[in-house]
Each structure stands twice: as structure tokens, then as C-alpha cells.
Amino acid sequence: MLIRIDADSTRPLYEQVASSVRADILAGRLVPGDRLPTAREVAEALDINLHTVLRAYQQLRDERLVDLRRGRGAAVSASAAPLAGLAGDVTDLVRRAASLGISPVTLAAIITETES
């Protein structure tokens, strides 16, 4: 598993870490039960603050994608399994929106509003 961040991005680092893990789950590179590297390992590898990684892991926990266990670390949760199945649907939706001239930002807003 390779967590990627862009130091030049305006997105907060914790969001980038969470997004990288989420993308690996979506692509099927991470499956339920897979252990994530410890927050300390990620922080050292990326040269970022430990609390930044912990915040990303907590966000993923709040999304029910990761289980956090004190002393046992983080693992992909069973509730993340359906996410991998959505990858094709999401790709199709993004392509369809692009063909209609709808930007990714607008599409995200539509999805967010639909969720409410």
C-alpha cells in the first residue's frame, strides 16, 4: 500500500491521506481485514505530523471504512466491501457527466445535495 500526498496541494494533508486510502479501497487494492500501516509509520514515511495521520484514520473510521483498535492498529472494515463494487458505477457516472459538460465539482455538489 502506497499512501500518496501532494505537498503543493491546497487540500489539507489529512484529507489527502484519507483520500489515498479510500482510493485503494475503491480500486480493490485494499480489502476488508487488510491492516493499514501504523500512523507512526505513515507519518515518518511521508514526513508529516503523527496527528495528521491519526485525523485521516479517524475520518475513515467515521466513514465506516476502517476499524481502529487500541493496540491493534487500523484495518479495513467489513462495511468497506461494497465500495469496491461501486468503482465501475462511479467511473461511468463521471464519464457521463463529463460528456454532458458537467464539471467534477458540480457533480460532487449534485451528489451531496441528493444525499440530504
C-alpha atoms as a PDB file:
ATOM      1  CA  MET A   1       0.000   0.000   0.000  1.00  0.00           C
ATOM      2  CA  LEU A   2       1.338   3.368  -1.020  1.00  0.00           C
ATOM      3  CA  ILE A   3      -0.173   6.467   0.542  1.00  0.00           C
ATOM      4  CA  ARG A   4       0.308   9.484  -1.666  1.00  0.00           C
ATOM      5  CA  ILE A   5       0.225  13.177  -0.825  1.00  0.00           C
ATOM      6  CA  ASP A   6       0.997  16.350  -2.738  1.00  0.00           C
ATOM      7  CA  ALA A   7       2.790  18.904  -0.592  1.00  0.00           C
ATOM      8  CA  ASP A   8       1.878  21.629  -3.116  1.00  0.00           C
ATOM      9  CA  SER A   9      -1.858  20.888  -2.958  1.00  0.00           C
ATOM     10  CA  THR A  10      -4.234  23.242  -1.178  1.00  0.00           C
ATOM     11  CA  ARG A  11      -6.108  20.225   0.271  1.00  0.00           C
ATOM     12  CA  PRO A  12      -5.253  19.503   3.900  1.00  0.00           C
ATOM     13  CA  LEU A  13      -2.774  16.661   4.346  1.00  0.00           C
ATOM     14  CA  TYR A  14      -5.179  14.570   6.436  1.00  0.00           C
ATOM     15  CA  GLU A  15      -7.724  14.694   3.589  1.00  0.00           C
ATOM     16  CA  GLN A  16      -5.061  13.589   1.126  1.00  0.00           C
ATOM     17  CA  VAL A  17      -4.069  10.645   3.326  1.00  0.00           C
ATOM     18  CA  ALA A  18      -7.706   9.606   3.783  1.00  0.00           C
ATOM     19  CA  SER A  19      -8.366  10.022   0.063  1.00  0.00           C
ATOM     20  CA  SER A  20      -5.381   7.838  -0.829  1.00  0.00           C
ATOM     21  CA  VAL A  21      -6.602   5.023   1.442  1.00  0.00           C
ATOM     22  CA  ARG A  22     -10.171   5.447   0.150  1.00  0.00           C
ATOM     23  CA  ALA A  23      -8.903   5.189  -3.446  1.00  0.00           C
ATOM     24  CA  ASP A  24      -7.071   1.943  -2.645  1.00  0.00           C
ATOM     25  CA  ILE A  25     -10.272   0.504  -1.161  1.00  0.00           C
ATOM     26  CA  LEU A  26     -12.293   1.651  -4.171  1.00  0.00           C
ATOM     27  CA  ALA A  27      -9.772   0.071  -6.563  1.00  0.00           C
ATOM     28  CA  GLY A  28      -9.785  -3.195  -4.624  1.00  0.00           C
ATOM     29  CA  ARG A  29      -6.127  -2.896  -3.624  1.00  0.00           C
ATOM     30  CA  LEU A  30      -7.289  -2.951  -0.006  1.00  0.00           C
ATOM     31  CA  VAL A  31      -9.986  -5.372   1.115  1.00  0.00           C
ATOM     32  CA  PRO A  32     -11.765  -5.937   4.434  1.00  0.00           C
ATOM     33  CA  GLY A  33      -9.358  -7.257   7.019  1.00  0.00           C
ATOM     34  CA  ASP A  34      -6.256  -5.702   5.466  1.00  0.00           C
ATOM     35  CA  ARG A  35      -4.172  -3.856   8.014  1.00  0.00           C
ATOM     36  CA  LEU A  36      -3.114  -0.301   7.361  1.00  0.00           C
ATOM     37  CA  PRO A  37       0.389   0.824   8.270  1.00  0.00           C
ATOM     38  CA  THR A  38       0.597   2.329  11.732  1.00  0.00           C
ATOM     39  CA  ALA A  39       0.030   6.058  11.940  1.00  0.00           C
ATOM     40  CA  ARG A  40       3.615   6.444  13.110  1.00  0.00           C
ATOM     41  CA  GLU A  41       4.949   4.563  10.057  1.00  0.00           C
ATOM     42  CA  VAL A  42       2.884   6.690   7.682  1.00  0.00           C
ATOM     43  CA  ALA A  43       3.909   9.925   9.414  1.00  0.00           C
ATOM     44  CA  GLU A  44       7.582   9.004   9.229  1.00  0.00           C
ATOM     45  CA  ALA A  45       7.406   7.822   5.613  1.00  0.00           C
ATOM     46  CA  LEU A  46       5.601  10.975   4.457  1.00  0.00           C
ATOM     47  CA  ASP A  47       7.440  13.290   6.859  1.00  0.00           C
ATOM     48  CA  ILE A  48       4.201  14.656   8.298  1.00  0.00           C
ATOM     49  CA  ASN A  49       2.828  15.001  11.808  1.00  0.00           C
ATOM     50  CA  LEU A  50       1.539  11.860  13.530  1.00  0.00           C
ATOM     51  CA  HIS A  51      -1.700  13.654  14.463  1.00  0.00           C
ATOM     52  CA  THR A  52      -2.339  14.414  10.794  1.00  0.00           C
ATOM     53  CA  VAL A  53      -2.350  10.686  10.014  1.00  0.00           C
ATOM     54  CA  LEU A  54      -4.471   9.944  13.082  1.00  0.00           C
ATOM     55  CA  ARG A  55      -7.017  12.523  11.921  1.00  0.00           C
ATOM     56  CA  ALA A  56      -7.145  10.840   8.489  1.00  0.00           C
ATOM     57  CA  TYR A  57      -7.628   7.422  10.091  1.00  0.00           C
ATOM     58  CA  GLN A  58     -10.359   8.830  12.338  1.00  0.00           C
ATOM     59  CA  GLN A  59     -12.119  10.298   9.300  1.00  0.00           C
ATOM     60  CA  LEU A  60     -12.012   6.885   7.622  1.00  0.00           C
ATOM     61  CA  ARG A  61     -13.352   5.345  10.826  1.00  0.00           C
ATOM     62  CA  ASP A  62     -16.211   7.856  10.859  1.00  0.00           C
ATOM     63  CA  GLU A  63     -16.985   6.821   7.269  1.00  0.00           C
ATOM     64  CA  ARG A  64     -17.034   3.192   8.481  1.00  0.00           C
ATOM     65  CA  LEU A  65     -14.239   2.253   6.088  1.00  0.00           C
ATOM     66  CA  VAL A  66     -11.660   1.492   8.773  1.00  0.00           C
ATOM     67  CA  ASP A  67     -11.788  -0.111  12.203  1.00  0.00           C
ATOM     68  CA  LEU A  68      -9.448   1.370  14.790  1.00  0.00           C
ATOM     69  CA  ARG A  69      -8.440  -0.784  17.741  1.00  0.00           C
ATOM     70  CA  ARG A  70      -6.192   0.474  20.501  1.00  0.00           C
ATOM     71  CA  GLY A  71      -3.020  -1.578  20.453  1.00  0.00           C
ATOM     72  CA  ARG A  72      -4.042  -3.432  17.283  1.00  0.00           C
ATOM     73  CA  GLY A  73      -3.924  -0.605  14.761  1.00  0.00           C
ATOM     74  CA  ALA A  74      -6.195   0.115  11.834  1.00  0.00           C
ATOM     75  CA  ALA A  75      -7.766  -2.363   9.451  1.00  0.00           C
ATOM     76  CA  VAL A  76     -10.178  -2.078   6.550  1.00  0.00           C
ATOM     77  CA  SER A  77     -13.657  -2.766   7.911  1.00  0.00           C
ATOM     78  CA  ALA A  78     -16.154  -5.251   6.542  1.00  0.00           C
ATOM     79  CA  SER A  79     -18.515  -2.382   5.749  1.00  0.00           C
ATOM     80  CA  ALA A  80     -15.993  -1.161   3.149  1.00  0.00           C
ATOM     81  CA  ALA A  81     -16.616  -4.184   0.905  1.00  0.00           C
ATOM     82  CA  PRO A  82     -19.436  -2.612  -1.150  1.00  0.00           C
ATOM     83  CA  LEU A  83     -17.217   0.362  -2.014  1.00  0.00           C
ATOM     84  CA  ALA A  84     -15.071  -1.685  -4.391  1.00  0.00           C
ATOM     85  CA  GLY A  85     -18.209  -2.754  -6.252  1.00  0.00           C
ATOM     86  CA  LEU A  86     -19.111   0.867  -6.908  1.00  0.00           C
ATOM     87  CA  ALA A  87     -15.889   1.679  -8.755  1.00  0.00           C
ATOM     88  CA  GLY A  88     -17.323   0.946 -12.194  1.00  0.00           C
ATOM     89  CA  ASP A  89     -20.552   2.802 -11.454  1.00  0.00           C
ATOM     90  CA  VAL A  90     -18.651   5.867 -10.274  1.00  0.00           C
ATOM     91  CA  THR A  91     -16.407   5.814 -13.334  1.00  0.00           C
ATOM     92  CA  ASP A  92     -19.447   5.574 -15.603  1.00  0.00           C
ATOM     93  CA  LEU A  93     -21.147   8.453 -13.793  1.00  0.00           C
ATOM     94  CA  VAL A  94     -18.084  10.693 -14.024  1.00  0.00           C
ATOM     95  CA  ARG A  95     -17.684   9.937 -17.737  1.00  0.00           C
ATOM     96  CA  ARG A  96     -21.384  10.570 -18.391  1.00  0.00           C
ATOM     97  CA  ALA A  97     -21.228  13.876 -16.514  1.00  0.00           C
ATOM     98  CA  ALA A  98     -18.132  14.916 -18.462  1.00  0.00           C
ATOM     99  CA  SER A  99     -19.848  14.104 -21.753  1.00  0.00           C
ATOM    100  CA  LEU A 100     -22.667  16.421 -20.700  1.00  0.00           C
ATOM    101  CA  GLY A 101     -20.210  19.176 -19.808  1.00  0.00           C
ATOM    102  CA  ILE A 102     -20.737  18.820 -16.045  1.00  0.00           C
ATOM    103  CA  SER A 103     -17.593  19.532 -14.048  1.00  0.00           C
ATOM    104  CA  PRO A 104     -16.444  17.204 -11.262  1.00  0.00           C
ATOM    105  CA  VAL A 105     -17.118  19.965  -8.727  1.00  0.00           C
ATOM    106  CA  THR A 106     -20.702  20.355  -9.944  1.00  0.00           C
ATOM    107  CA  LEU A 107     -21.201  16.592  -9.981  1.00  0.00           C
ATOM    108  CA  ALA A 108     -19.946  16.355  -6.393  1.00  0.00           C
ATOM    109  CA  ALA A 109     -22.358  19.133  -5.381  1.00  0.00           C
ATOM    110  CA  ILE A 110     -25.250  17.319  -7.037  1.00  0.00           C
ATOM    111  CA  ILE A 111     -24.342  14.117  -5.210  1.00  0.00           C
ATOM    112  CA  THR A 112     -24.049  15.937  -1.900  1.00  0.00           C
ATOM    113  CA  GLU A 113     -27.431  17.617  -2.375  1.00  0.00           C
ATOM    114  CA  THR A 114     -29.028  14.332  -3.387  1.00  0.00           C
ATOM    115  CA  GLU A 115     -27.726  12.735  -0.207  1.00  0.00           C
ATOM    116  CA  SER A 116     -29.552  15.208   2.032  1.00  0.00           C
END
